[in-house]
Amino acid sequence: MKLVYIASPYAGDIPNNVERAKEYCKQALEQGVIPVAPHLLYPQFLEDSDPAERNLGLRAGLELLSRCEEMWVFGEQISPGMSREIQFAQERGIPIRQWGPEAGMERGLSL
């Protein structure tokens, strides 16, 4: 099974964004890939409002992304953090797939 980095919004409506990210991960797993979603893991023990801890989590997430075979982008909005991840993936030639709001409908990536 290949590792796939899951990117979706976190900030803003955190409770709903977390629930959506969990559903995206479940759908990815059901499609036969291993989802990697740092924005579901790191806020469990790092404080997002602390700049040093946020930066540590972002750096660790990019390291995870560098080890993934693909990146899947979900959600209607591309947050600044997601934009940074997308640019990182593009610079390294990591294939990127963008999924529509139904998470079952792929669409072209327009960044």
N, C-alpha and C. Protein backbone atom coordinates (compact mmCIF):
# COMPACT_ATOMS: atom_id res chain seq x y z
N MET A 1 0.85 -1.18 0.00
CA MET A 1 0.00 0.00 0.00
C MET A 1 0.89 1.24 0.00
N LYS A 2 0.52 2.21 -0.81
CA LYS A 2 1.33 3.41 -0.85
C LYS A 2 0.87 4.43 0.19
N LEU A 3 1.84 5.25 0.63
CA LEU A 3 1.56 6.32 1.58
C LEU A 3 1.05 7.53 0.81
N VAL A 4 -0.06 8.11 1.29
CA VAL A 4 -0.66 9.28 0.66
C VAL A 4 -0.85 10.35 1.72
N TYR A 5 -0.31 11.52 1.46
CA TYR A 5 -0.42 12.66 2.36
C TYR A 5 -1.77 13.31 2.15
N ILE A 6 -2.54 13.47 3.22
CA ILE A 6 -3.87 14.08 3.16
C ILE A 6 -3.76 15.53 3.61
N ALA A 7 -4.13 16.44 2.72
CA ALA A 7 -4.14 17.87 3.05
C ALA A 7 -5.57 18.37 3.00
N SER A 8 -5.99 19.00 4.08
CA SER A 8 -7.31 19.62 4.14
C SER A 8 -7.25 20.72 5.19
N PRO A 9 -8.22 21.63 5.16
CA PRO A 9 -8.18 22.73 6.13
C PRO A 9 -8.24 22.23 7.57
N TYR A 10 -7.54 22.94 8.46
CA TYR A 10 -7.59 22.65 9.90
C TYR A 10 -8.14 23.86 10.66
N ALA A 11 -7.52 25.01 10.47
CA ALA A 11 -7.89 26.23 11.22
C ALA A 11 -9.29 26.68 10.85
N GLY A 12 -9.80 27.58 11.65
CA GLY A 12 -11.15 28.11 11.43
C GLY A 12 -12.14 27.28 12.24
N ASP A 13 -12.96 26.51 11.56
CA ASP A 13 -13.94 25.64 12.21
C ASP A 13 -13.28 24.31 12.54
N ILE A 14 -12.42 24.31 13.55
CA ILE A 14 -11.59 23.14 13.85
C ILE A 14 -12.41 21.87 14.08
N PRO A 15 -13.46 21.89 14.90
CA PRO A 15 -14.20 20.63 15.10
C PRO A 15 -14.73 20.02 13.80
N ASN A 16 -15.33 20.83 12.95
CA ASN A 16 -15.84 20.30 11.67
C ASN A 16 -14.72 19.93 10.72
N ASN A 17 -13.65 20.72 10.69
CA ASN A 17 -12.52 20.40 9.82
C ASN A 17 -11.85 19.10 10.22
N VAL A 18 -11.76 18.84 11.52
CA VAL A 18 -11.18 17.57 12.00
C VAL A 18 -12.07 16.41 11.58
N GLU A 19 -13.38 16.55 11.73
CA GLU A 19 -14.29 15.48 11.33
C GLU A 19 -14.19 15.20 9.83
N ARG A 20 -14.10 16.25 9.04
CA ARG A 20 -13.94 16.07 7.59
C ARG A 20 -12.62 15.36 7.27
N ALA A 21 -11.54 15.78 7.93
CA ALA A 21 -10.23 15.16 7.68
C ALA A 21 -10.26 13.67 8.04
N LYS A 22 -10.94 13.33 9.12
CA LYS A 22 -11.06 11.92 9.50
C LYS A 22 -11.81 11.14 8.43
N GLU A 23 -12.85 11.74 7.88
CA GLU A 23 -13.60 11.08 6.81
C GLU A 23 -12.75 10.93 5.55
N TYR A 24 -11.97 11.96 5.21
CA TYR A 24 -11.07 11.86 4.05
C TYR A 24 -10.08 10.71 4.24
N CYS A 25 -9.55 10.59 5.44
CA CYS A 25 -8.59 9.51 5.72
C CYS A 25 -9.25 8.15 5.59
N LYS A 26 -10.46 8.04 6.10
CA LYS A 26 -11.19 6.77 6.00
C LYS A 26 -11.43 6.41 4.54
N GLN A 27 -11.84 7.39 3.73
CA GLN A 27 -12.08 7.13 2.32
C GLN A 27 -10.79 6.73 1.60
N ALA A 28 -9.69 7.38 1.97
CA ALA A 28 -8.41 7.02 1.36
C ALA A 28 -8.04 5.58 1.70
N LEU A 29 -8.20 5.20 2.95
CA LEU A 29 -7.89 3.84 3.38
C LEU A 29 -8.77 2.83 2.64
N GLU A 30 -10.04 3.18 2.46
CA GLU A 30 -10.95 2.30 1.72
C GLU A 30 -10.56 2.17 0.25
N GLN A 31 -9.79 3.13 -0.26
CA GLN A 31 -9.31 3.06 -1.65
C GLN A 31 -7.96 2.34 -1.74
N GLY A 32 -7.49 1.79 -0.63
CA GLY A 32 -6.31 0.95 -0.66
C GLY A 32 -4.98 1.67 -0.45
N VAL A 33 -5.02 2.89 0.11
CA VAL A 33 -3.77 3.60 0.41
C VAL A 33 -3.70 3.86 1.91
N ILE A 34 -2.51 4.18 2.38
CA ILE A 34 -2.31 4.52 3.78
C ILE A 34 -2.31 6.04 3.91
N PRO A 35 -3.34 6.61 4.55
CA PRO A 35 -3.39 8.07 4.69
C PRO A 35 -2.45 8.57 5.78
N VAL A 36 -1.80 9.69 5.49
CA VAL A 36 -0.94 10.37 6.45
C VAL A 36 -1.50 11.78 6.61
N ALA A 37 -1.99 12.10 7.81
CA ALA A 37 -2.64 13.39 8.05
C ALA A 37 -2.07 14.04 9.31
N PRO A 38 -0.95 14.74 9.19
CA PRO A 38 -0.32 15.34 10.36
C PRO A 38 -1.22 16.32 11.10
N HIS A 39 -2.14 16.96 10.39
CA HIS A 39 -3.01 17.93 11.06
C HIS A 39 -4.04 17.25 11.97
N LEU A 40 -4.14 15.93 11.91
CA LEU A 40 -4.95 15.20 12.88
C LEU A 40 -4.10 14.71 14.05
N LEU A 41 -2.82 14.54 13.82
CA LEU A 41 -1.93 14.00 14.85
C LEU A 41 -1.28 15.09 15.71
N TYR A 42 -0.59 16.02 15.11
CA TYR A 42 0.23 16.95 15.88
C TYR A 42 -0.54 17.87 16.83
N PRO A 43 -1.75 18.30 16.49
CA PRO A 43 -2.49 19.13 17.46
C PRO A 43 -2.87 18.37 18.74
N GLN A 44 -2.68 17.05 18.74
CA GLN A 44 -2.96 16.27 19.95
C GLN A 44 -1.95 16.56 21.05
N PHE A 45 -0.73 16.97 20.65
CA PHE A 45 0.30 17.21 21.66
C PHE A 45 1.12 18.47 21.42
N LEU A 46 0.89 19.18 20.33
CA LEU A 46 1.54 20.47 20.08
C LEU A 46 0.48 21.57 20.10
N GLU A 47 0.82 22.71 20.63
CA GLU A 47 -0.11 23.84 20.73
C GLU A 47 -0.02 24.68 19.45
N ASP A 48 -1.10 24.66 18.67
CA ASP A 48 -1.11 25.37 17.39
C ASP A 48 -0.96 26.88 17.58
N SER A 49 -1.36 27.40 18.72
CA SER A 49 -1.26 28.85 18.96
C SER A 49 0.14 29.29 19.40
N ASP A 50 1.02 28.34 19.69
CA ASP A 50 2.40 28.63 20.06
C ASP A 50 3.24 28.58 18.78
N PRO A 51 3.79 29.73 18.34
CA PRO A 51 4.51 29.75 17.06
C PRO A 51 5.64 28.72 16.97
N ALA A 52 6.37 28.50 18.03
CA ALA A 52 7.48 27.53 17.97
C ALA A 52 6.93 26.11 17.79
N GLU A 53 5.88 25.77 18.52
CA GLU A 53 5.31 24.43 18.39
C GLU A 53 4.62 24.25 17.04
N ARG A 54 3.95 25.29 16.57
CA ARG A 54 3.32 25.21 15.25
C ARG A 54 4.37 24.98 14.17
N ASN A 55 5.47 25.72 14.24
CA ASN A 55 6.54 25.57 13.26
C ASN A 55 7.14 24.16 13.31
N LEU A 56 7.31 23.63 14.51
CA LEU A 56 7.83 22.27 14.66
C LEU A 56 6.89 21.27 13.99
N GLY A 57 5.59 21.42 14.22
CA GLY A 57 4.62 20.53 13.59
C GLY A 57 4.61 20.66 12.07
N LEU A 58 4.72 21.90 11.58
CA LEU A 58 4.75 22.11 10.13
C LEU A 58 5.98 21.47 9.51
N ARG A 59 7.12 21.62 10.15
CA ARG A 59 8.36 21.02 9.63
C ARG A 59 8.26 19.49 9.63
N ALA A 60 7.72 18.94 10.71
CA ALA A 60 7.56 17.48 10.78
C ALA A 60 6.59 16.99 9.70
N GLY A 61 5.52 17.77 9.46
CA GLY A 61 4.57 17.40 8.42
C GLY A 61 5.21 17.38 7.05
N LEU A 62 6.05 18.37 6.76
CA LEU A 62 6.73 18.39 5.46
C LEU A 62 7.69 17.22 5.32
N GLU A 63 8.32 16.82 6.41
CA GLU A 63 9.19 15.64 6.35
C GLU A 63 8.36 14.40 6.03
N LEU A 64 7.20 14.28 6.65
CA LEU A 64 6.32 13.16 6.32
C LEU A 64 5.90 13.21 4.86
N LEU A 65 5.54 14.40 4.38
CA LEU A 65 5.15 14.56 2.99
C LEU A 65 6.26 14.10 2.05
N SER A 66 7.50 14.39 2.39
CA SER A 66 8.62 14.00 1.52
C SER A 66 8.73 12.48 1.37
N ARG A 67 8.14 11.75 2.30
CA ARG A 67 8.21 10.28 2.26
C ARG A 67 6.98 9.64 1.63
N CYS A 68 6.00 10.45 1.25
CA CYS A 68 4.77 9.94 0.66
C CYS A 68 4.89 9.85 -0.86
N GLU A 69 4.10 8.95 -1.43
CA GLU A 69 4.12 8.75 -2.87
C GLU A 69 3.17 9.69 -3.60
N GLU A 70 2.15 10.19 -2.91
CA GLU A 70 1.20 11.13 -3.50
C GLU A 70 0.71 12.06 -2.41
N MET A 71 0.11 13.16 -2.87
CA MET A 71 -0.58 14.09 -1.98
C MET A 71 -2.01 14.22 -2.50
N TRP A 72 -2.98 14.09 -1.59
CA TRP A 72 -4.37 14.29 -1.94
C TRP A 72 -4.85 15.54 -1.22
N VAL A 73 -5.44 16.47 -1.95
CA VAL A 73 -5.91 17.74 -1.41
C VAL A 73 -7.44 17.74 -1.39
N PHE A 74 -8.00 18.04 -0.21
CA PHE A 74 -9.45 18.06 -0.04
C PHE A 74 -9.90 19.42 0.45
N GLY A 75 -11.16 19.76 0.17
CA GLY A 75 -11.74 20.98 0.70
C GLY A 75 -11.91 22.05 -0.36
N GLU A 76 -12.80 22.96 -0.06
CA GLU A 76 -13.10 24.06 -0.98
C GLU A 76 -12.03 25.15 -0.94
N GLN A 77 -11.40 25.34 0.20
CA GLN A 77 -10.41 26.41 0.36
C GLN A 77 -9.01 25.82 0.52
N ILE A 78 -8.04 26.50 -0.04
CA ILE A 78 -6.64 26.15 0.17
C ILE A 78 -6.10 27.12 1.22
N SER A 79 -5.81 26.60 2.40
CA SER A 79 -5.29 27.44 3.48
C SER A 79 -3.82 27.77 3.22
N PRO A 80 -3.27 28.75 3.94
CA PRO A 80 -1.84 29.04 3.78
C PRO A 80 -0.96 27.82 4.06
N GLY A 81 -1.30 27.05 5.07
CA GLY A 81 -0.52 25.84 5.37
C GLY A 81 -0.59 24.82 4.25
N MET A 82 -1.79 24.64 3.71
CA MET A 82 -1.95 23.72 2.59
C MET A 82 -1.19 24.21 1.36
N SER A 83 -1.20 25.51 1.13
CA SER A 83 -0.47 26.08 0.00
C SER A 83 1.02 25.78 0.12
N ARG A 84 1.54 25.91 1.33
CA ARG A 84 2.96 25.60 1.58
C ARG A 84 3.24 24.12 1.29
N GLU A 85 2.33 23.25 1.72
CA GLU A 85 2.50 21.81 1.47
C GLU A 85 2.43 21.49 -0.03
N ILE A 86 1.50 22.12 -0.73
CA ILE A 86 1.36 21.89 -2.16
C ILE A 86 2.62 22.34 -2.90
N GLN A 87 3.13 23.50 -2.54
CA GLN A 87 4.36 23.99 -3.17
C GLN A 87 5.52 23.02 -2.90
N PHE A 88 5.64 22.53 -1.68
CA PHE A 88 6.67 21.58 -1.29
C PHE A 88 6.57 20.32 -2.16
N ALA A 89 5.33 19.80 -2.31
CA ALA A 89 5.13 18.59 -3.13
C ALA A 89 5.49 18.85 -4.59
N GLN A 90 5.08 20.00 -5.12
CA GLN A 90 5.39 20.33 -6.51
C GLN A 90 6.89 20.41 -6.74
N GLU A 91 7.61 21.03 -5.82
CA GLU A 91 9.06 21.18 -5.95
C GLU A 91 9.76 19.83 -5.95
N ARG A 92 9.17 18.83 -5.34
CA ARG A 92 9.78 17.51 -5.23
C ARG A 92 9.19 16.50 -6.21
N GLY A 93 8.27 16.95 -7.05
CA GLY A 93 7.69 16.06 -8.05
C GLY A 93 6.74 15.03 -7.48
N ILE A 94 6.17 15.30 -6.31
CA ILE A 94 5.21 14.39 -5.71
C ILE A 94 3.86 14.62 -6.40
N PRO A 95 3.27 13.57 -6.97
CA PRO A 95 1.97 13.75 -7.65
C PRO A 95 0.90 14.27 -6.69
N ILE A 96 0.08 15.18 -7.18
CA ILE A 96 -0.97 15.80 -6.38
C ILE A 96 -2.31 15.53 -7.05
N ARG A 97 -3.27 15.08 -6.24
CA ARG A 97 -4.66 14.90 -6.70
C ARG A 97 -5.53 15.79 -5.84
N GLN A 98 -6.46 16.48 -6.47
CA GLN A 98 -7.39 17.31 -5.71
C GLN A 98 -8.78 16.70 -5.83
N TRP A 99 -9.46 16.64 -4.69
CA TRP A 99 -10.78 16.02 -4.62
C TRP A 99 -11.82 17.08 -4.34
N GLY A 100 -12.99 16.92 -4.94
CA GLY A 100 -14.10 17.85 -4.72
C GLY A 100 -14.73 17.68 -3.35
N PRO A 101 -15.73 18.49 -3.05
CA PRO A 101 -16.34 18.48 -1.73
C PRO A 101 -16.96 17.13 -1.37
N GLU A 102 -17.34 16.35 -2.35
CA GLU A 102 -17.93 15.04 -2.06
C GLU A 102 -16.85 14.01 -1.74
N ALA A 103 -15.59 14.36 -1.91
CA ALA A 103 -14.44 13.48 -1.66
C ALA A 103 -14.50 12.20 -2.47
N GLY A 104 -15.32 12.16 -3.46
CA GLY A 104 -15.36 10.99 -4.32
C GLY A 104 -15.18 11.42 -5.77
N MET A 105 -15.04 12.71 -5.96
CA MET A 105 -15.01 13.25 -7.31
C MET A 105 -13.72 14.03 -7.50
N GLU A 106 -12.85 13.48 -8.28
CA GLU A 106 -11.58 14.15 -8.51
C GLU A 106 -11.78 15.29 -9.50
N ARG A 107 -11.03 16.35 -9.29
CA ARG A 107 -11.07 17.49 -10.21
C ARG A 107 -9.65 17.95 -10.46
N GLY A 108 -9.47 18.73 -11.48
CA GLY A 108 -8.15 19.25 -11.79
C GLY A 108 -7.66 20.20 -10.71
N LEU A 109 -6.39 20.18 -10.47
CA LEU A 109 -5.80 21.05 -9.47
C LEU A 109 -5.56 22.42 -10.08
N SER A 110 -6.19 23.43 -9.52
CA SER A 110 -6.00 24.79 -10.02
C SER A 110 -5.49 25.65 -8.89
N LEU A 111 -4.20 25.88 -8.89
CA LEU A 111 -3.59 26.66 -7.81
C LEU A 111 -3.03 27.95 -8.35
